[in-house]
């Protein structure tokens, strides 16, 4: 019986090694100062910049006090890290104020809305990258533009 298990394991290892690897585009090393990226004006109270990697996206979002990010959801996991100011979120039946130095992890498909309670700078990290932002199809942020 031990021989049969060893033979089975050897066959499994062989099959794993012989399975063709997915052909992935080679990730590119990037060094990008934020000051080199144009600020995108989405509405009078909201600007952003972003950098897209192979599997992740980081966005620097600038919100003036009173800016509302309408309720929305997306298939992307989101990590929001507040660098300056504060955002009030309505999410999962709760109101959560996230202040400078704090992080909010938003699971995929979870509806959320936010309001800047002060002038705010935040970093949003998305996996996978937000195709609607890259393609400028994010009308909910553009105030109907």
Protein backbone atom coordinates (compact mmCIF):
# COMPACT_ATOMS: atom_id res chain seq x y z
CA UNK A 1 0.00 0.00 0.00
CA UNK A 2 2.90 2.37 0.75
CA UNK A 3 4.23 1.74 -2.78
CA UNK A 4 0.86 2.71 -4.26
CA UNK A 5 0.82 6.00 -2.31
CA UNK A 6 4.39 6.81 -3.40
CA UNK A 7 3.52 6.07 -7.03
CA UNK A 8 0.41 8.27 -6.80
CA UNK A 9 2.43 11.16 -5.29
CA UNK A 10 5.08 10.82 -7.99
CA UNK A 11 2.39 10.93 -10.70
CA UNK A 12 0.80 14.02 -9.10
CA UNK A 13 4.19 15.79 -8.92
CA UNK A 14 4.90 14.88 -12.55
CA UNK A 15 1.49 16.24 -13.63
CA UNK A 16 2.06 19.48 -11.75
CA UNK A 17 5.46 19.95 -13.39
CA UNK A 18 4.16 19.11 -16.84
CA UNK A 19 1.13 21.45 -16.62
CA UNK A 20 1.84 24.42 -18.90
CA UNK A 21 2.21 27.69 -16.97
CA UNK A 22 -0.13 30.54 -17.88
CA UNK A 23 1.66 33.05 -20.01
CA UNK A 24 1.67 36.25 -17.99
CA UNK A 25 2.94 39.59 -19.14
CA UNK A 26 6.15 40.41 -17.37
CA UNK A 27 5.59 42.93 -14.58
CA UNK A 28 7.35 46.21 -15.17
CA UNK A 29 9.38 48.06 -12.53
CA UNK A 30 8.08 51.62 -12.10
CA UNK A 31 9.33 54.56 -10.03
CA UNK A 32 6.81 57.36 -10.28
CA UNK A 33 6.73 60.58 -8.25
CA UNK A 34 3.13 61.73 -7.62
CA UNK A 35 4.12 65.20 -8.85
CA UNK A 36 4.78 63.69 -12.30
CA UNK A 37 1.15 62.51 -12.64
CA UNK A 38 -1.46 65.05 -13.73
CA UNK A 39 -4.33 65.58 -11.31
CA UNK A 40 -7.59 64.46 -12.89
CA UNK A 41 -10.50 66.78 -12.04
CA UNK A 42 -13.61 64.62 -11.57
CA UNK A 43 -15.83 67.36 -10.15
CA UNK A 44 -15.21 70.68 -8.37
CA UNK A 45 -14.53 68.91 -5.05
CA UNK A 46 -12.70 65.78 -6.23
CA UNK A 47 -9.34 65.11 -7.89
CA UNK A 48 -7.24 61.98 -8.25
CA UNK A 49 -4.07 60.42 -9.60
CA UNK A 50 -3.36 56.73 -9.94
CA UNK A 51 -0.69 54.21 -10.81
CA UNK A 52 -1.56 50.79 -12.21
CA UNK A 53 0.56 47.72 -11.67
CA UNK A 54 0.03 44.25 -13.02
CA UNK A 55 -2.50 43.18 -10.36
CA UNK A 56 -2.99 46.22 -8.16
CA UNK A 57 -3.76 49.92 -8.45
CA UNK A 58 -3.00 52.75 -6.03
CA UNK A 59 -4.84 56.06 -6.24
CA UNK A 60 -4.15 59.34 -4.48
CA UNK A 61 -7.54 60.97 -4.00
CA UNK A 62 -7.99 64.63 -2.99
CA UNK A 63 -11.42 65.52 -1.60
CA UNK A 64 -12.54 68.98 -0.46
CA UNK A 65 -14.69 69.21 2.66
CA UNK A 66 -18.28 68.32 1.75
CA UNK A 67 -17.36 66.17 -1.25
CA UNK A 68 -19.75 63.24 -1.57
CA UNK A 69 -18.74 59.96 -3.17
CA UNK A 70 -22.16 58.50 -4.11
CA UNK A 71 -23.07 54.97 -3.08
CA UNK A 72 -21.50 52.41 -5.36
CA UNK A 73 -19.95 48.96 -5.29
CA UNK A 74 -17.40 47.14 -7.38
CA UNK A 75 -15.84 43.72 -7.72
CA UNK A 76 -12.49 45.12 -6.57
CA UNK A 77 -11.21 44.73 -3.04
CA UNK A 78 -10.39 48.21 -1.68
CA UNK A 79 -8.07 49.42 1.05
CA UNK A 80 -8.50 53.10 1.96
CA UNK A 81 -5.73 54.77 3.97
CA UNK A 82 -6.38 58.35 5.09
CA UNK A 83 -3.23 60.48 4.96
CA UNK A 84 -4.85 63.83 5.89
CA UNK A 85 -8.38 64.82 6.93
CA UNK A 86 -11.22 62.36 7.42
CA UNK A 87 -13.91 60.52 5.47
CA UNK A 88 -17.28 59.45 6.83
CA UNK A 89 -18.43 56.18 5.26
CA UNK A 90 -21.89 54.66 5.12
CA UNK A 91 -21.18 50.98 4.72
CA UNK A 92 -22.66 47.68 5.84
CA UNK A 93 -25.42 49.48 7.80
CA UNK A 94 -22.88 51.54 9.76
CA UNK A 95 -21.47 55.06 9.76
CA UNK A 96 -17.69 54.95 10.16
CA UNK A 97 -15.42 57.99 10.33
CA UNK A 98 -11.92 57.14 9.12
CA UNK A 99 -9.33 59.71 10.21
CA UNK A 100 -5.71 60.44 9.25
CA UNK A 101 -3.54 57.44 10.01
CA UNK A 102 -6.47 55.00 9.84
CA UNK A 103 -7.35 52.32 7.29
CA UNK A 104 -10.64 50.88 6.06
CA UNK A 105 -10.69 47.52 4.25
CA UNK A 106 -13.73 47.21 1.97
CA UNK A 107 -14.55 43.73 0.64
CA UNK A 108 -15.55 43.25 -3.01
CA UNK A 109 -19.22 43.97 -3.90
CA UNK A 110 -19.96 45.86 -0.64
CA UNK A 111 -21.99 49.04 -1.34
CA UNK A 112 -20.45 52.15 0.22
CA UNK A 113 -20.78 55.93 0.21
CA UNK A 114 -18.43 58.56 1.65
CA UNK A 115 -18.32 62.24 2.56
CA UNK A 116 -15.23 64.32 3.25
CA UNK A 117 -15.73 65.82 6.72
CA UNK A 118 -12.54 67.87 6.16
CA UNK A 119 -10.22 68.49 3.23
CA UNK A 120 -8.85 64.98 2.77
CA UNK A 121 -6.01 63.14 1.05
CA UNK A 122 -6.39 59.40 0.87
CA UNK A 123 -4.69 56.49 -0.79
CA UNK A 124 -7.00 53.86 -2.25
CA UNK A 125 -5.54 50.51 -3.18
CA UNK A 126 -7.56 48.22 -5.46
CA UNK A 127 -7.14 44.62 -6.51
CA UNK A 128 -7.66 44.11 -9.36
CA UNK A 129 -7.14 47.60 -10.85
CA UNK A 130 -10.34 49.59 -11.47
CA UNK A 131 -11.06 49.30 -15.20
CA UNK A 132 -13.83 51.93 -14.92
CA UNK A 133 -11.31 54.47 -13.59
CA UNK A 134 -8.71 53.59 -16.22
CA UNK A 135 -11.32 53.85 -19.01
CA UNK A 136 -12.94 56.98 -17.48
CA UNK A 137 -16.31 55.19 -17.28
CA UNK A 138 -16.86 56.17 -13.63
CA UNK A 139 -19.78 58.57 -14.14
CA UNK A 140 -20.87 58.28 -10.49
CA UNK A 141 -17.77 60.37 -9.58
CA UNK A 142 -18.03 62.83 -12.45
CA UNK A 143 -21.31 64.46 -11.47
CA UNK A 144 -22.95 63.54 -14.76
CA UNK A 145 -20.04 64.84 -16.91
